Amino acid sequence: MRTIKFRGKRIKDGKWIYGNIANYSSNFCSLNINKLVIFENIASFTTDNFGFVVNDCEVADNTVGQFTGLLDRNGKEIYEGDIVQLDYITTSGKHRIGLSFEVKWCTQEGCWVGWDGFVENTLQQTRKMFVVKGNIHDNPELLKGEAE
């Protein structure tokens, strides 16, 4: 069975949180509350007299990415929004480091791809050659080739 989980940056402290995702909304006392939350376990919510307390797991919606179900060459989980780098050995035995790609979902192909701004490369076929170097939220410079 495929593991379905997400990650996002907590609004409270900017730290990454991993787990299940929910859109928490409430119209309590004429207050419109709409929060995107990620939590490790549905039973981990703490409650008070007013309902669920979700401040500790509220995430910025633009940072949410889904786990692809794939691992890089080093066994690290690959998430949507990660920046992966092609890392391979040539037929002559030389180690080469190639382009960096952003991990995205391709609706047309129905699979996870590495996008370099021009070309989509299917990750499922070449995942053993990819290494996670960072993500588009913390390390956008990696896509420009400015950092190693």
Protein backbone atom coordinates (compact mmCIF):
# COMPACT_ATOMS: atom_id res chain seq x y z
CA MET A 1 0.00 0.00 0.00
CA ARG A 2 1.26 3.50 -0.84
CA THR A 3 2.03 5.87 2.01
CA ILE A 4 0.08 9.11 1.67
CA LYS A 5 1.45 11.99 3.71
CA PHE A 6 2.28 15.63 3.37
CA ARG A 7 4.68 18.23 4.67
CA GLY A 8 4.35 21.96 5.20
CA LYS A 9 6.01 24.81 7.07
CA ARG A 10 4.34 25.71 10.34
CA ILE A 11 3.15 29.30 10.49
CA LYS A 12 3.99 29.44 14.20
CA ASP A 13 7.76 28.87 13.87
CA GLY A 14 8.62 28.08 10.24
CA LYS A 15 9.57 24.47 11.01
CA TRP A 16 8.63 21.63 8.71
CA ILE A 17 5.88 19.30 9.93
CA TYR A 18 5.03 15.94 8.33
CA GLY A 19 1.85 13.87 8.43
CA ASN A 20 -1.82 13.94 7.48
CA ILE A 21 -3.47 17.06 6.06
CA ALA A 22 -6.81 18.66 6.83
CA ASN A 23 -8.59 21.89 6.03
CA TYR A 24 -9.95 23.10 9.38
CA SER A 25 -12.73 25.62 9.06
CA SER A 26 -15.15 27.02 11.59
CA ASN A 27 -17.76 29.71 11.80
CA PHE A 28 -17.72 30.05 15.58
CA CYS A 29 -19.17 33.32 17.00
CA SER A 30 -19.30 34.89 13.53
CA LEU A 31 -15.54 34.33 13.11
CA ASN A 32 -14.63 32.76 9.81
CA ILE A 33 -11.66 30.51 10.50
CA ASN A 34 -10.04 28.61 7.67
CA LYS A 35 -6.73 26.89 8.40
CA LEU A 36 -4.71 24.27 6.59
CA VAL A 37 -3.19 21.92 9.15
CA ILE A 38 -0.81 18.96 9.09
CA PHE A 39 -0.68 16.61 12.02
CA GLU A 40 1.13 13.37 12.75
CA ASN A 41 -1.86 11.53 14.14
CA ILE A 42 -5.54 12.43 14.04
CA ALA A 43 -5.76 11.63 17.76
CA SER A 44 -3.00 14.14 18.57
CA PHE A 45 -5.35 17.13 18.55
CA THR A 46 -5.80 18.77 21.91
CA THR A 47 -9.21 20.14 22.70
CA ASP A 48 -10.68 22.78 24.93
CA ASN A 49 -14.24 24.00 25.45
CA PHE A 50 -14.25 25.68 22.05
CA GLY A 51 -13.17 22.72 19.93
CA PHE A 52 -9.91 21.76 18.32
CA VAL A 53 -6.72 23.71 18.95
CA VAL A 54 -4.78 23.65 15.71
CA ASN A 55 -2.31 26.52 16.12
CA ASP A 56 0.63 24.16 16.60
CA CYS A 57 0.06 22.43 13.28
CA GLU A 58 -1.24 25.25 11.04
CA VAL A 59 0.88 25.46 7.89
CA ALA A 60 1.38 27.99 5.12
CA ASP A 61 -0.63 26.57 2.23
CA ASN A 62 1.96 27.54 -0.40
CA THR A 63 4.53 25.25 1.32
CA VAL A 64 2.45 22.07 1.35
CA GLY A 65 3.83 19.19 -0.70
CA GLN A 66 2.81 15.56 -1.01
CA PHE A 67 5.16 12.61 -0.46
CA THR A 68 5.82 11.04 -3.87
CA GLY A 69 6.25 7.54 -2.49
CA LEU A 70 9.80 7.60 -3.87
CA LEU A 71 13.16 7.63 -2.14
CA ASP A 72 16.35 9.15 -3.49
CA ARG A 73 19.61 7.26 -3.90
CA ASN A 74 20.38 7.76 -0.20
CA GLY A 75 16.97 6.58 1.03
CA LYS A 76 15.62 10.10 1.71
CA GLU A 77 11.91 10.67 1.04
CA ILE A 78 11.13 12.79 -2.02
CA TYR A 79 8.33 15.37 -1.66
CA GLU A 80 6.57 17.64 -4.11
CA GLY A 81 8.61 20.87 -4.15
CA ASP A 82 11.93 19.14 -3.45
CA ILE A 83 14.93 19.98 -5.57
CA VAL A 84 16.67 16.85 -6.75
CA GLN A 85 19.94 16.61 -8.61
CA LEU A 86 20.87 13.99 -11.15
CA ASP A 87 23.87 12.11 -9.79
CA TYR A 88 25.27 9.31 -11.94
CA ILE A 89 28.29 7.25 -12.96
CA THR A 90 29.27 7.27 -16.64
CA THR A 91 29.96 4.08 -18.57
CA SER A 92 33.67 4.83 -18.14
CA GLY A 93 33.20 4.90 -14.34
CA LYS A 94 33.41 8.67 -13.81
CA HIS A 95 31.11 10.32 -11.27
CA ARG A 96 29.00 13.11 -12.78
CA ILE A 97 26.57 15.59 -11.25
CA GLY A 98 23.96 16.92 -13.60
CA LEU A 99 21.08 19.34 -13.62
CA SER A 100 18.80 20.14 -10.70
CA PHE A 101 15.06 19.57 -11.02
CA GLU A 102 11.98 20.61 -9.07
CA VAL A 103 9.68 17.70 -8.21
CA LYS A 104 6.16 18.27 -9.52
CA TRP A 105 3.06 16.26 -10.35
CA CYS A 106 2.40 16.00 -14.09
CA THR A 107 -1.35 15.68 -14.63
CA GLN A 108 -0.93 14.92 -18.33
CA GLU A 109 1.39 11.95 -17.71
CA GLY A 110 -0.08 10.98 -14.33
CA CYS A 111 3.27 10.73 -12.58
CA TRP A 112 5.87 12.64 -10.58
CA VAL A 113 8.43 14.47 -12.70
CA GLY A 114 11.57 16.50 -12.31
CA TRP A 115 11.04 19.90 -13.97
CA ASP A 116 14.06 22.01 -14.95
CA GLY A 117 12.05 24.83 -16.48
CA PHE A 118 12.06 23.29 -19.95
CA VAL A 119 11.84 19.50 -19.75
CA GLU A 120 9.94 17.06 -17.53
CA ASN A 121 11.84 13.92 -16.56
CA THR A 122 9.88 11.01 -15.11
CA LEU A 123 11.17 10.27 -11.61
CA GLN A 124 9.84 6.72 -11.39
CA GLN A 125 12.30 5.47 -14.00
CA THR A 126 15.40 7.25 -12.73
CA ARG A 127 14.85 7.78 -8.99
CA LYS A 128 17.93 5.78 -8.00
CA MET A 129 20.08 8.43 -9.72
CA PHE A 130 18.50 11.41 -7.94
CA VAL A 131 19.70 13.00 -4.71
CA VAL A 132 17.52 15.44 -2.72
CA LYS A 133 19.51 18.68 -2.37
CA GLY A 134 16.84 20.92 -0.82
CA ASN A 135 13.44 22.35 -1.67
CA ILE A 136 11.98 25.34 -3.50
CA HIS A 137 11.00 27.07 -0.25
CA ASP A 138 14.32 26.93 1.61
CA ASN A 139 16.78 26.66 -1.29
CA PRO A 140 15.39 28.27 -4.48
CA GLU A 141 18.94 29.17 -5.53
CA LEU A 142 19.64 25.48 -6.20
CA LEU A 143 17.50 25.64 -9.34
CA LYS A 144 19.61 28.50 -10.68
CA GLY A 145 22.81 26.51 -10.28
CA GLU A 146 24.29 29.02 -7.84
CA ALA A 147 24.82 26.56 -4.99
CA GLU A 148 26.24 23.06 -4.83
